[in-house]
Amino acid sequence: MKLSMKNSHTLRAARMLPAVFCLAVLLGAAGCGSFTPPVRPVVYDFGPGATAMAPTNRMERQATITLPDVDAPVALEGSAVLFRLGYADAQQLRPYASARWTMPPAQLLRQRLREQLGAQRTVLAPGEAGPVLAVTSTQPFVAQPAVVRIELEEFSQLFDTPQTSTGLVRVRATALQTGSAGARSSSQQTFIARRPAASADAAGGVKALTQATDDVITQLNAWLQQTIGAP
């Protein structure tokens, strides 16, 4: 019994399906072999911080402060590692394509401030109660901790030449204090630190920025000791 012409075409097409399928698999495999997956950015922070408890000496404790969130311009709100080409266009902030911070620089700075300043003083978040320093029958005054506001103004790797660069950090600090009579006073200071980068890339910039940040905090801590005084 002969197959109809229609059935003959259907049978021929069915026999060709395995060959077509194999060809598609081979082409797909060849395409996958030439596909390069995107490179994931390297993620950085300031390192593990303190790895052991420091001995406590209550005689050396400094005045308690309240530390709000660090303010920063819009350009520093993201997590990109930024650099400037000082020899070409220093006014343009450029991001590294394959490097990121774990969080925005302002948050990293506040975390580092709490860690390092907290080694010698109590650092409170806004809304936390401060210690009672003076309550008497004649002067029932509860001292309020000084509020230290930090503005991060610059946080970038600055290239002076294509091969040489520095980590540049600039912050402005404002200390607000309330006296025993309720009078408020304020002091303000700008701190700048630059550290040379060991390599002209993101890894070198990150290390230099970390070191410059610690330098700024050291300057800030010395200023607070003079500005706020003893508890």
N, C-alpha and C. Protein backbone atom coordinates (compact mmCIF):
# COMPACT_ATOMS: atom_id res chain seq x y z
N MET A 1 0.85 -1.19 0.00
CA MET A 1 0.00 0.00 0.00
C MET A 1 0.88 1.23 0.00
N LYS A 2 0.66 2.09 -0.97
CA LYS A 2 1.50 3.26 -1.10
C LYS A 2 0.99 4.38 -0.22
N LEU A 3 1.98 5.13 0.35
CA LEU A 3 1.63 6.30 1.17
C LEU A 3 1.21 7.43 0.27
N SER A 4 0.30 8.23 0.75
CA SER A 4 -0.12 9.41 0.00
C SER A 4 1.04 10.41 -0.02
N MET A 5 0.98 11.37 -0.94
CA MET A 5 2.05 12.36 -1.04
C MET A 5 2.15 13.16 0.24
N LYS A 6 1.03 13.49 0.88
CA LYS A 6 1.04 14.26 2.12
C LYS A 6 1.72 13.49 3.22
N ASN A 7 1.38 12.20 3.35
CA ASN A 7 2.00 11.37 4.39
C ASN A 7 3.48 11.19 4.12
N SER A 8 3.87 11.13 2.86
CA SER A 8 5.28 10.97 2.51
C SER A 8 6.09 12.17 2.96
N HIS A 9 5.57 13.39 2.75
CA HIS A 9 6.26 14.61 3.20
C HIS A 9 6.37 14.66 4.70
N THR A 10 5.32 14.23 5.41
CA THR A 10 5.33 14.24 6.88
C THR A 10 6.38 13.29 7.41
N LEU A 11 6.49 12.10 6.82
CA LEU A 11 7.47 11.12 7.25
C LEU A 11 8.88 11.62 7.00
N ARG A 12 9.10 12.27 5.86
CA ARG A 12 10.43 12.80 5.55
C ARG A 12 10.82 13.90 6.53
N ALA A 13 9.88 14.75 6.90
CA ALA A 13 10.17 15.83 7.86
C ALA A 13 10.48 15.26 9.22
N ALA A 14 9.76 14.21 9.62
CA ALA A 14 10.01 13.60 10.93
C ALA A 14 11.40 12.99 10.98
N ARG A 15 11.85 12.38 9.85
CA ARG A 15 13.18 11.79 9.84
C ARG A 15 14.27 12.85 9.92
N MET A 16 13.97 14.09 9.46
CA MET A 16 14.97 15.15 9.48
C MET A 16 15.10 15.84 10.84
N LEU A 17 14.11 15.68 11.73
CA LEU A 17 14.12 16.38 13.02
C LEU A 17 15.36 16.08 13.86
N PRO A 18 15.76 14.79 14.00
CA PRO A 18 16.97 14.55 14.81
C PRO A 18 18.21 15.28 14.28
N ALA A 19 18.36 15.32 12.96
CA ALA A 19 19.53 16.00 12.39
C ALA A 19 19.48 17.50 12.66
N VAL A 20 18.26 18.08 12.53
CA VAL A 20 18.12 19.52 12.79
C VAL A 20 18.40 19.82 14.24
N PHE A 21 17.90 18.94 15.15
CA PHE A 21 18.12 19.13 16.58
C PHE A 21 19.62 19.08 16.92
N CYS A 22 20.33 18.10 16.34
CA CYS A 22 21.77 17.98 16.60
C CYS A 22 22.52 19.21 16.10
N LEU A 23 22.11 19.74 14.94
CA LEU A 23 22.77 20.92 14.41
C LEU A 23 22.55 22.12 15.32
N ALA A 24 21.34 22.25 15.86
CA ALA A 24 21.05 23.36 16.77
C ALA A 24 21.88 23.26 18.04
N VAL A 25 22.03 22.03 18.55
CA VAL A 25 22.84 21.83 19.75
C VAL A 25 24.28 22.22 19.50
N LEU A 26 24.82 21.80 18.34
CA LEU A 26 26.21 22.12 18.02
C LEU A 26 26.42 23.62 17.88
N LEU A 27 25.47 24.29 17.20
CA LEU A 27 25.59 25.73 17.05
C LEU A 27 25.50 26.43 18.39
N GLY A 28 24.60 25.94 19.25
CA GLY A 28 24.46 26.52 20.58
C GLY A 28 25.72 26.34 21.39
N ALA A 29 26.32 25.16 21.29
CA ALA A 29 27.55 24.90 22.04
C ALA A 29 28.67 25.80 21.54
N ALA A 30 28.73 26.01 20.23
CA ALA A 30 29.77 26.89 19.70
C ALA A 30 29.57 28.31 20.17
N GLY A 31 28.27 28.74 20.22
CA GLY A 31 28.00 30.08 20.71
C GLY A 31 28.36 30.24 22.16
N CYS A 32 28.06 29.24 23.00
CA CYS A 32 28.39 29.30 24.41
C CYS A 32 29.89 29.33 24.62
N GLY A 33 30.61 28.64 23.76
CA GLY A 33 32.06 28.62 23.91
C GLY A 33 32.68 29.99 23.68
N SER A 34 32.03 30.84 22.87
CA SER A 34 32.59 32.16 22.58
C SER A 34 32.04 33.23 23.52
N PHE A 35 31.09 32.88 24.41
CA PHE A 35 30.49 33.86 25.32
C PHE A 35 31.39 34.09 26.51
N THR A 36 31.67 35.36 26.82
CA THR A 36 32.49 35.72 27.97
C THR A 36 31.60 36.32 29.04
N PRO A 37 31.51 35.67 30.21
CA PRO A 37 30.64 36.20 31.26
C PRO A 37 31.16 37.53 31.77
N PRO A 38 30.26 38.42 32.22
CA PRO A 38 30.71 39.73 32.73
C PRO A 38 31.56 39.57 33.98
N VAL A 39 32.54 40.45 34.12
CA VAL A 39 33.43 40.41 35.28
C VAL A 39 32.74 41.06 36.47
N ARG A 40 32.70 40.38 37.58
CA ARG A 40 32.08 40.95 38.78
C ARG A 40 33.03 41.96 39.41
N PRO A 41 32.50 43.10 39.87
CA PRO A 41 33.37 44.10 40.51
C PRO A 41 34.00 43.54 41.79
N VAL A 42 35.22 43.95 42.07
CA VAL A 42 35.87 43.62 43.33
C VAL A 42 35.30 44.56 44.39
N VAL A 43 34.92 44.01 45.54
CA VAL A 43 34.27 44.79 46.59
C VAL A 43 35.26 45.05 47.72
N TYR A 44 35.35 46.32 48.15
CA TYR A 44 36.31 46.73 49.17
C TYR A 44 35.61 47.37 50.36
N ASP A 45 36.29 47.31 51.52
CA ASP A 45 35.92 48.12 52.67
C ASP A 45 37.20 48.60 53.34
N PHE A 46 37.12 49.05 54.60
CA PHE A 46 38.31 49.56 55.29
C PHE A 46 39.07 48.46 56.04
N GLY A 47 38.71 47.22 55.83
CA GLY A 47 39.39 46.14 56.52
C GLY A 47 38.64 45.69 57.77
N PRO A 48 39.16 44.69 58.48
CA PRO A 48 38.44 44.11 59.62
C PRO A 48 38.40 44.99 60.85
N GLY A 49 39.20 46.05 60.89
CA GLY A 49 39.23 46.90 62.09
C GLY A 49 39.96 46.20 63.22
N ALA A 50 39.60 46.57 64.45
CA ALA A 50 40.26 45.98 65.61
C ALA A 50 39.99 44.48 65.67
N THR A 51 41.03 43.70 65.92
CA THR A 51 40.89 42.24 66.00
C THR A 51 41.10 41.71 67.41
N ALA A 52 41.32 42.62 68.37
CA ALA A 52 41.47 42.21 69.77
C ALA A 52 41.02 43.36 70.66
N MET A 53 40.52 43.02 71.83
CA MET A 53 40.05 44.03 72.77
C MET A 53 41.23 44.80 73.35
N ALA A 54 41.15 46.13 73.30
CA ALA A 54 42.20 46.96 73.88
C ALA A 54 41.98 47.10 75.38
N PRO A 55 43.05 47.18 76.18
CA PRO A 55 42.87 47.36 77.62
C PRO A 55 42.17 48.67 77.93
N THR A 56 41.27 48.65 78.91
CA THR A 56 40.49 49.82 79.26
C THR A 56 41.13 50.57 80.41
N ASN A 57 41.31 51.87 80.24
CA ASN A 57 41.83 52.73 81.29
C ASN A 57 40.83 53.87 81.48
N ARG A 58 40.01 53.78 82.52
CA ARG A 58 38.95 54.75 82.73
C ARG A 58 39.48 56.16 82.95
N MET A 59 40.72 56.30 83.42
CA MET A 59 41.28 57.62 83.66
C MET A 59 41.54 58.36 82.35
N GLU A 60 41.62 57.64 81.26
CA GLU A 60 41.92 58.27 79.98
C GLU A 60 40.68 58.48 79.12
N ARG A 61 39.51 58.15 79.63
CA ARG A 61 38.30 58.30 78.85
C ARG A 61 38.00 59.77 78.58
N GLN A 62 37.55 60.05 77.36
CA GLN A 62 37.22 61.41 76.95
C GLN A 62 35.71 61.63 77.02
N ALA A 63 35.31 62.86 76.79
CA ALA A 63 33.90 63.23 76.90
C ALA A 63 33.04 62.47 75.89
N THR A 64 31.84 62.13 76.31
CA THR A 64 30.88 61.44 75.44
C THR A 64 30.42 62.37 74.32
N ILE A 65 30.20 61.81 73.14
CA ILE A 65 29.69 62.59 72.01
C ILE A 65 28.53 61.84 71.36
N THR A 66 27.70 62.60 70.66
CA THR A 66 26.66 62.02 69.81
C THR A 66 27.09 62.20 68.37
N LEU A 67 27.06 61.13 67.60
CA LEU A 67 27.53 61.16 66.21
C LEU A 67 26.38 60.81 65.26
N PRO A 68 25.78 61.80 64.61
CA PRO A 68 24.73 61.52 63.61
C PRO A 68 25.34 60.89 62.35
N ASP A 69 24.47 60.57 61.40
CA ASP A 69 24.95 60.06 60.12
C ASP A 69 25.84 61.11 59.45
N VAL A 70 26.83 60.63 58.74
CA VAL A 70 27.74 61.53 58.02
C VAL A 70 27.06 62.04 56.75
N ASP A 71 27.11 63.35 56.55
CA ASP A 71 26.56 63.94 55.33
C ASP A 71 27.59 63.87 54.21
N ALA A 72 27.09 63.78 52.97
CA ALA A 72 27.97 63.70 51.81
C ALA A 72 27.25 64.25 50.60
N PRO A 73 27.97 64.80 49.62
CA PRO A 73 27.33 65.27 48.39
C PRO A 73 26.78 64.10 47.57
N VAL A 74 25.93 64.44 46.63
CA VAL A 74 25.28 63.41 45.81
C VAL A 74 26.30 62.52 45.11
N ALA A 75 27.41 63.09 44.68
CA ALA A 75 28.42 62.32 43.95
C ALA A 75 29.01 61.20 44.78
N LEU A 76 28.94 61.31 46.10
CA LEU A 76 29.53 60.29 46.99
C LEU A 76 28.47 59.38 47.62
N GLU A 77 27.24 59.47 47.15
CA GLU A 77 26.18 58.66 47.74
C GLU A 77 26.20 57.21 47.26
N GLY A 78 26.83 56.94 46.13
CA GLY A 78 26.89 55.58 45.62
C GLY A 78 28.04 54.81 46.24
N SER A 79 28.26 53.59 45.74
CA SER A 79 29.31 52.73 46.27
C SER A 79 30.51 52.60 45.32
N ALA A 80 30.55 53.40 44.26
CA ALA A 80 31.66 53.32 43.31
C ALA A 80 32.95 53.84 43.93
N VAL A 81 34.07 53.24 43.54
CA VAL A 81 35.39 53.76 43.91
C VAL A 81 35.73 54.83 42.87
N LEU A 82 35.90 56.07 43.33
CA LEU A 82 36.03 57.20 42.42
C LEU A 82 37.47 57.70 42.32
N PHE A 83 37.78 58.27 41.16
CA PHE A 83 39.11 58.86 40.96
C PHE A 83 38.98 60.12 40.11
N ARG A 84 40.02 60.96 40.20
CA ARG A 84 40.11 62.17 39.39
C ARG A 84 41.44 62.17 38.64
N LEU A 85 41.42 62.66 37.42
CA LEU A 85 42.64 62.84 36.64
C LEU A 85 43.07 64.29 36.80
N GLY A 86 43.92 64.54 37.80
CA GLY A 86 44.33 65.90 38.08
C GLY A 86 45.11 66.54 36.95
N TYR A 87 45.78 65.74 36.14
CA TYR A 87 46.58 66.27 35.04
C TYR A 87 45.76 66.50 33.79
N ALA A 88 44.49 66.08 33.78
CA ALA A 88 43.65 66.23 32.59
C ALA A 88 42.39 67.04 32.89
N ASP A 89 41.57 66.54 33.80
CA ASP A 89 40.32 67.23 34.15
C ASP A 89 39.99 66.90 35.60
N ALA A 90 40.54 67.67 36.52
CA ALA A 90 40.37 67.39 37.95
C ALA A 90 38.95 67.61 38.43
N GLN A 91 38.12 68.27 37.64
CA GLN A 91 36.75 68.56 38.06
C GLN A 91 35.80 67.41 37.80
N GLN A 92 36.26 66.37 37.15
CA GLN A 92 35.40 65.24 36.81
C GLN A 92 35.71 64.04 37.69
N LEU A 93 34.71 63.56 38.40
CA LEU A 93 34.83 62.33 39.16
C LEU A 93 34.52 61.15 38.25
N ARG A 94 35.40 60.16 38.24
CA ARG A 94 35.23 59.00 37.38
C ARG A 94 35.16 57.73 38.24
N PRO A 95 34.26 56.81 37.93
CA PRO A 95 34.18 55.56 38.69
C PRO A 95 34.99 54.45 38.05
N TYR A 96 35.61 53.63 38.86
CA TYR A 96 36.21 52.39 38.35
C TYR A 96 35.08 51.44 37.97
N ALA A 97 35.22 50.80 36.81
CA ALA A 97 34.17 49.90 36.33
C ALA A 97 34.14 48.59 37.12
N SER A 98 35.27 48.17 37.65
CA SER A 98 35.34 46.85 38.27
C SER A 98 35.70 46.91 39.76
N ALA A 99 35.32 48.01 40.44
CA ALA A 99 35.61 48.13 41.87
C ALA A 99 34.45 48.84 42.56
N ARG A 100 34.08 48.34 43.73
CA ARG A 100 32.99 48.90 44.51
C ARG A 100 33.33 48.88 45.99
N TRP A 101 32.77 49.84 46.76
CA TRP A 101 32.79 49.77 48.21
C TRP A 101 31.62 48.92 48.69
N THR A 102 31.73 48.37 49.87
CA THR A 102 30.63 47.57 50.40
C THR A 102 29.43 48.43 50.75
N MET A 103 29.66 49.72 50.99
CA MET A 103 28.60 50.68 51.29
C MET A 103 29.09 52.06 50.90
N PRO A 104 28.22 53.05 50.82
CA PRO A 104 28.68 54.39 50.46
C PRO A 104 29.77 54.89 51.40
N PRO A 105 30.72 55.69 50.89
CA PRO A 105 31.83 56.16 51.72
C PRO A 105 31.42 56.84 53.01
N ALA A 106 30.32 57.59 53.02
CA ALA A 106 29.87 58.26 54.25
C ALA A 106 29.55 57.25 55.34
N GLN A 107 28.95 56.12 54.96
CA GLN A 107 28.65 55.08 55.95
C GLN A 107 29.92 54.39 56.43
N LEU A 108 30.84 54.15 55.51
CA LEU A 108 32.12 53.56 55.90
C LEU A 108 32.87 54.47 56.88
N LEU A 109 32.84 55.78 56.62
CA LEU A 109 33.51 56.74 57.48
C LEU A 109 32.88 56.75 58.86
N ARG A 110 31.56 56.77 58.95
CA ARG A 110 30.91 56.78 60.26
C ARG A 110 31.23 55.51 61.04
N GLN A 111 31.24 54.39 60.35
CA GLN A 111 31.59 53.13 61.00
C GLN A 111 33.01 53.19 61.56
N ARG A 112 33.94 53.76 60.80
CA ARG A 112 35.32 53.88 61.25
C ARG A 112 35.44 54.88 62.40
N LEU A 113 34.69 55.96 62.34
CA LEU A 113 34.68 56.95 63.42
C LEU A 113 34.22 56.33 64.73
N ARG A 114 33.14 55.58 64.69
CA ARG A 114 32.63 54.96 65.91
C ARG A 114 33.63 53.97 66.49
N GLU A 115 34.30 53.25 65.60
CA GLU A 115 35.28 52.27 66.06
C GLU A 115 36.47 52.94 66.72
N GLN A 116 37.05 53.95 66.06
CA GLN A 116 38.29 54.53 66.57
C GLN A 116 38.04 55.55 67.68
N LEU A 117 37.05 56.42 67.52
CA LEU A 117 36.76 57.37 68.59
C LEU A 117 36.22 56.65 69.83
N GLY A 118 35.52 55.55 69.61
CA GLY A 118 34.96 54.79 70.72
C GLY A 118 35.99 54.10 71.58
N ALA A 119 37.25 54.08 71.14
CA ALA A 119 38.30 53.47 71.96
C ALA A 119 38.62 54.35 73.17
N GLN A 120 38.31 55.65 73.10
CA GLN A 120 38.63 56.57 74.18
C GLN A 120 37.43 57.33 74.73
N ARG A 121 36.29 57.16 74.13
CA ARG A 121 35.10 57.88 74.59
C ARG A 121 33.85 57.09 74.21
N THR A 122 32.74 57.42 74.83
CA THR A 122 31.46 56.83 74.46
C THR A 122 30.90 57.59 73.27
N VAL A 123 30.55 56.86 72.21
CA VAL A 123 29.99 57.46 71.00
C VAL A 123 28.55 56.99 70.87
N LEU A 124 27.61 57.93 70.97
CA LEU A 124 26.20 57.61 70.93
C LEU A 124 25.60 57.91 69.56
N ALA A 125 24.53 57.21 69.24
CA ALA A 125 23.73 57.54 68.07
C ALA A 125 22.67 58.55 68.50
N PRO A 126 22.13 59.34 67.57
CA PRO A 126 21.09 60.29 67.93
C PRO A 126 19.91 59.59 68.62
N GLY A 127 19.45 60.16 69.72
CA GLY A 127 18.34 59.57 70.46
C GLY A 127 18.77 58.73 71.63
N GLU A 128 20.02 58.29 71.66
CA GLU A 128 20.51 57.53 72.80
C GLU A 128 20.79 58.47 73.97
N ALA A 129 20.51 58.01 75.17
CA ALA A 129 20.68 58.84 76.36
C ALA A 129 22.14 58.94 76.75
N GLY A 130 22.56 60.13 77.10
CA GLY A 130 23.92 60.34 77.56
C GLY A 130 24.02 60.16 79.06
N PRO A 131 25.23 60.15 79.60
CA PRO A 131 25.42 59.97 81.03
C PRO A 131 25.02 61.22 81.81
N VAL A 132 24.59 61.01 83.04
CA VAL A 132 24.28 62.11 83.94
C VAL A 132 25.58 62.55 84.60
N LEU A 133 26.00 63.76 84.33
CA LEU A 133 27.28 64.23 84.84
C LEU A 133 27.14 65.13 86.06
N ALA A 134 26.01 65.79 86.23
CA ALA A 134 25.88 66.69 87.37
C ALA A 134 24.41 66.87 87.73
N VAL A 135 24.03 66.35 88.88
CA VAL A 135 22.69 66.55 89.39
C VAL A 135 22.81 66.88 90.87
N THR A 136 22.48 68.09 91.26
CA THR A 136 22.55 68.51 92.65
C THR A 136 21.25 69.20 93.03
N SER A 137 21.06 69.44 94.32
CA SER A 137 19.83 70.09 94.78
C SER A 137 19.75 71.54 94.32
N THR A 138 20.91 72.16 94.15
CA THR A 138 20.93 73.56 93.72
C THR A 138 21.01 73.71 92.20
N GLN A 139 21.50 72.67 91.55
CA GLN A 139 21.67 72.76 90.10
C GLN A 139 21.34 71.40 89.47
N PRO A 140 20.04 71.12 89.34
CA PRO A 140 19.66 69.81 88.77
C PRO A 140 19.83 69.79 87.26
N PHE A 141 21.07 69.74 86.84
CA PHE A 141 21.39 69.81 85.41
C PHE A 141 21.93 68.47 84.93
N VAL A 142 21.33 67.97 83.86
CA VAL A 142 21.81 66.75 83.22
C VAL A 142 22.58 67.15 81.97
N ALA A 143 23.88 66.95 82.00
CA ALA A 143 24.72 67.37 80.88
C ALA A 143 24.38 66.59 79.62
N GLN A 144 24.32 67.31 78.50
CA GLN A 144 24.06 66.68 77.22
C GLN A 144 25.37 66.48 76.47
N PRO A 145 25.56 65.31 75.87
CA PRO A 145 26.80 65.10 75.10
C PRO A 145 26.88 66.08 73.94
N ALA A 146 28.08 66.47 73.60
CA ALA A 146 28.28 67.30 72.42
C ALA A 146 27.89 66.53 71.17
N VAL A 147 27.25 67.21 70.26
CA VAL A 147 26.87 66.61 68.97
C VAL A 147 27.95 66.95 67.96
N VAL A 148 28.53 65.93 67.35
CA VAL A 148 29.59 66.13 66.36
C VAL A 148 29.05 65.76 64.98
N ARG A 149 28.87 66.76 64.16
CA ARG A 149 28.36 66.55 62.80
C ARG A 149 29.55 66.50 61.83
N ILE A 150 29.53 65.50 60.96
CA ILE A 150 30.62 65.31 60.01
C ILE A 150 30.07 65.42 58.59
N GLU A 151 30.75 66.20 57.77
CA GLU A 151 30.43 66.31 56.35
C GLU A 151 31.63 65.80 55.55
N LEU A 152 31.39 64.78 54.75
CA LEU A 152 32.45 64.24 53.88
C LEU A 152 32.43 65.03 52.58
N GLU A 153 33.47 65.82 52.36
CA GLU A 153 33.50 66.70 51.19
C GLU A 153 34.27 66.11 50.01
N GLU A 154 35.29 65.33 50.27
CA GLU A 154 36.08 64.73 49.19
C GLU A 154 36.54 63.35 49.61
N PHE A 155 36.43 62.41 48.68
CA PHE A 155 36.83 61.03 48.96
C PHE A 155 37.14 60.37 47.62
N SER A 156 38.36 60.61 47.12
CA SER A 156 38.68 60.10 45.79
C SER A 156 40.18 59.85 45.68
N GLN A 157 40.52 59.07 44.65
CA GLN A 157 41.93 58.84 44.29
C GLN A 157 42.30 59.89 43.26
N LEU A 158 43.26 60.73 43.61
CA LEU A 158 43.65 61.84 42.74
C LEU A 158 44.94 61.51 42.02
N PHE A 159 44.88 61.42 40.69
CA PHE A 159 46.05 61.13 39.87
C PHE A 159 46.74 62.45 39.49
N ASP A 160 47.98 62.62 39.94
CA ASP A 160 48.78 63.77 39.53
C ASP A 160 49.42 63.52 38.17
N THR A 161 49.76 62.26 37.91
CA THR A 161 50.24 61.81 36.60
C THR A 161 49.58 60.45 36.35
N PRO A 162 49.71 59.89 35.14
CA PRO A 162 49.11 58.57 34.91
C PRO A 162 49.67 57.48 35.81
N GLN A 163 50.84 57.67 36.38
CA GLN A 163 51.47 56.64 37.21
C GLN A 163 51.42 56.94 38.71
N THR A 164 51.21 58.18 39.10
CA THR A 164 51.25 58.53 40.52
C THR A 164 49.90 59.11 40.97
N SER A 165 49.48 58.68 42.14
CA SER A 165 48.19 59.15 42.66
C SER A 165 48.21 59.11 44.18
N THR A 166 47.23 59.78 44.77
CA THR A 166 47.07 59.80 46.23
C THR A 166 45.61 59.60 46.58
N GLY A 167 45.38 59.04 47.77
CA GLY A 167 44.03 58.98 48.31
C GLY A 167 43.76 60.28 49.05
N LEU A 168 42.75 61.02 48.63
CA LEU A 168 42.44 62.34 49.19
C LEU A 168 41.12 62.28 49.95
N VAL A 169 41.17 62.65 51.24
CA VAL A 169 39.98 62.69 52.07
C VAL A 169 39.89 64.06 52.72
N ARG A 170 38.74 64.68 52.63
CA ARG A 170 38.50 65.97 53.28
C ARG A 170 37.14 65.94 53.98
N VAL A 171 37.14 66.29 55.25
CA VAL A 171 35.90 66.33 56.02
C VAL A 171 35.81 67.65 56.77
N ARG A 172 34.59 68.06 57.05
CA ARG A 172 34.36 69.23 57.89
C ARG A 172 33.57 68.78 59.11
N ALA A 173 34.07 69.12 60.28
CA ALA A 173 33.44 68.70 61.53
C ALA A 173 32.90 69.92 62.27
N THR A 174 31.72 69.76 62.84
CA THR A 174 31.10 70.80 63.66
C THR A 174 30.70 70.19 64.99
N ALA A 175 31.22 70.77 66.09
CA ALA A 175 30.90 70.29 67.44
C ALA A 175 29.92 71.27 68.08
N LEU A 176 28.75 70.77 68.47
CA LEU A 176 27.71 71.58 69.10
C LEU A 176 27.60 71.18 70.56
N GLN A 177 27.73 72.14 71.47
CA GLN A 177 27.69 71.86 72.90
C GLN A 177 26.63 72.71 73.59
N THR A 178 26.05 72.13 74.63
CA THR A 178 25.09 72.85 75.47
C THR A 178 25.68 73.01 76.85
N GLY A 179 25.86 74.26 77.30
CA GLY A 179 26.45 74.52 78.60
C GLY A 179 25.46 74.30 79.73
N SER A 180 25.95 74.47 80.97
CA SER A 180 25.12 74.24 82.15
C SER A 180 23.97 75.23 82.25
N ALA A 181 24.11 76.40 81.66
CA ALA A 181 23.05 77.40 81.68
C ALA A 181 22.14 77.30 80.47
N GLY A 182 22.34 76.27 79.66
CA GLY A 182 21.51 76.08 78.47
C GLY A 182 22.04 76.77 77.24
N ALA A 183 23.13 77.49 77.36
CA ALA A 183 23.70 78.19 76.20
C ALA A 183 24.37 77.18 75.26
N ARG A 184 24.20 77.43 73.97
CA ARG A 184 24.79 76.53 72.98
C ARG A 184 25.99 77.20 72.33
N SER A 185 27.01 76.43 72.08
CA SER A 185 28.20 76.92 71.40
C SER A 185 28.59 75.92 70.32
N SER A 186 29.29 76.41 69.33
CA SER A 186 29.71 75.52 68.24
C SER A 186 31.13 75.84 67.82
N SER A 187 31.82 74.82 67.37
CA SER A 187 33.17 74.95 66.83
C SER A 187 33.23 74.15 65.54
N GLN A 188 33.98 74.64 64.59
CA GLN A 188 34.04 73.98 63.28
C GLN A 188 35.47 73.94 62.78
N GLN A 189 35.82 72.82 62.14
CA GLN A 189 37.17 72.67 61.62
C GLN A 189 37.14 71.74 60.40
N THR A 190 38.01 72.02 59.44
CA THR A 190 38.16 71.17 58.26
C THR A 190 39.45 70.37 58.37
N PHE A 191 39.38 69.09 58.02
CA PHE A 191 40.55 68.21 58.11
C PHE A 191 40.80 67.60 56.74
N ILE A 192 42.07 67.58 56.35
CA ILE A 192 42.47 67.06 55.04
C ILE A 192 43.63 66.09 55.21
N ALA A 193 43.57 64.99 54.51
CA ALA A 193 44.68 64.03 54.54
C ALA A 193 44.87 63.45 53.14
N ARG A 194 46.14 63.25 52.77
CA ARG A 194 46.50 62.62 51.51
C ARG A 194 47.52 61.53 51.77
N ARG A 195 47.32 60.38 51.17
CA ARG A 195 48.27 59.28 51.28
C ARG A 195 48.61 58.77 49.89
N PRO A 196 49.89 58.53 49.58
CA PRO A 196 50.26 58.04 48.25
C PRO A 196 49.75 56.62 48.02
N ALA A 197 49.32 56.38 46.79
CA ALA A 197 48.85 55.04 46.41
C ALA A 197 50.03 54.21 45.92
N ALA A 198 50.08 52.97 46.35
CA ALA A 198 51.19 52.09 45.97
C ALA A 198 51.09 51.65 44.51
N SER A 199 49.91 51.70 43.92
CA SER A 199 49.73 51.30 42.53
C SER A 199 48.68 52.20 41.90
N ALA A 200 48.76 52.37 40.59
CA ALA A 200 47.87 53.27 39.86
C ALA A 200 46.60 52.54 39.42
N ASP A 201 45.89 51.98 40.39
CA ASP A 201 44.67 51.25 40.10
C ASP A 201 43.74 51.35 41.31
N ALA A 202 42.60 50.66 41.22
CA ALA A 202 41.61 50.74 42.30
C ALA A 202 42.14 50.18 43.61
N ALA A 203 42.89 49.09 43.55
CA ALA A 203 43.43 48.48 44.77
C ALA A 203 44.35 49.46 45.49
N GLY A 204 45.22 50.15 44.73
CA GLY A 204 46.09 51.13 45.33
C GLY A 204 45.32 52.31 45.89
N GLY A 205 44.29 52.74 45.18
CA GLY A 205 43.47 53.84 45.64
C GLY A 205 42.72 53.52 46.92
N VAL A 206 42.19 52.31 47.01
CA VAL A 206 41.44 51.91 48.21
C VAL A 206 42.34 51.92 49.44
N LYS A 207 43.55 51.38 49.32
CA LYS A 207 44.47 51.36 50.47
C LYS A 207 44.85 52.79 50.87
N ALA A 208 45.10 53.63 49.88
CA ALA A 208 45.47 55.02 50.18
C ALA A 208 44.32 55.76 50.83
N LEU A 209 43.10 55.54 50.38
CA LEU A 209 41.94 56.19 50.97
C LEU A 209 41.68 55.71 52.39
N THR A 210 41.93 54.43 52.64
CA THR A 210 41.78 53.91 54.00
C THR A 210 42.77 54.56 54.95
N GLN A 211 44.02 54.69 54.51
CA GLN A 211 45.05 55.31 55.34
C GLN A 211 44.76 56.80 55.56
N ALA A 212 44.30 57.49 54.50
CA ALA A 212 43.97 58.90 54.63
C ALA A 212 42.79 59.10 55.57
N THR A 213 41.84 58.19 55.54
CA THR A 213 40.69 58.26 56.46
C THR A 213 41.15 58.16 57.90
N ASP A 214 42.05 57.23 58.18
CA ASP A 214 42.57 57.09 59.54
C ASP A 214 43.34 58.33 59.97
N ASP A 215 44.06 58.96 59.04
CA ASP A 215 44.78 60.20 59.36
C ASP A 215 43.80 61.30 59.74
N VAL A 216 42.71 61.42 58.99
CA VAL A 216 41.69 62.43 59.27
C VAL A 216 41.07 62.19 60.65
N ILE A 217 40.79 60.94 60.96
CA ILE A 217 40.19 60.62 62.26
C ILE A 217 41.15 60.96 63.40
N THR A 218 42.44 60.72 63.20
CA THR A 218 43.43 61.09 64.22
C THR A 218 43.43 62.59 64.46
N GLN A 219 43.39 63.38 63.38
CA GLN A 219 43.31 64.83 63.50
C GLN A 219 42.03 65.25 64.21
N LEU A 220 40.93 64.64 63.83
CA LEU A 220 39.63 64.97 64.41
C LEU A 220 39.59 64.66 65.90
N ASN A 221 40.15 63.53 66.28
CA ASN A 221 40.15 63.14 67.68
C ASN A 221 40.96 64.13 68.52
N ALA A 222 42.11 64.56 68.01
CA ALA A 222 42.92 65.54 68.74
C ALA A 222 42.17 66.86 68.88
N TRP A 223 41.45 67.27 67.85
CA TRP A 223 40.66 68.51 67.89
C TRP A 223 39.53 68.39 68.91
N LEU A 224 38.87 67.23 68.94
CA LEU A 224 37.77 67.05 69.90
C LEU A 224 38.28 67.11 71.34
N GLN A 225 39.45 66.58 71.59
CA GLN A 225 40.01 66.64 72.94
C GLN A 225 40.23 68.08 73.39
N GLN A 226 40.61 68.93 72.46
CA GLN A 226 40.82 70.33 72.80
C GLN A 226 39.50 71.11 72.84
N THR A 227 38.57 70.75 71.96
CA THR A 227 37.34 71.51 71.82
C THR A 227 36.31 71.18 72.89
N ILE A 228 36.13 69.87 73.13
CA ILE A 228 35.09 69.43 74.07
C ILE A 228 35.63 69.33 75.48
N GLY A 229 36.86 68.92 75.61
CA GLY A 229 37.46 68.82 76.93
C GLY A 229 37.11 67.52 77.63
N ALA A 230 37.41 67.47 78.92
CA ALA A 230 37.19 66.26 79.71
C ALA A 230 35.71 66.11 80.04
N PRO A 231 35.27 64.88 80.36
CA PRO A 231 33.87 64.66 80.71
C PRO A 231 33.53 65.30 82.05
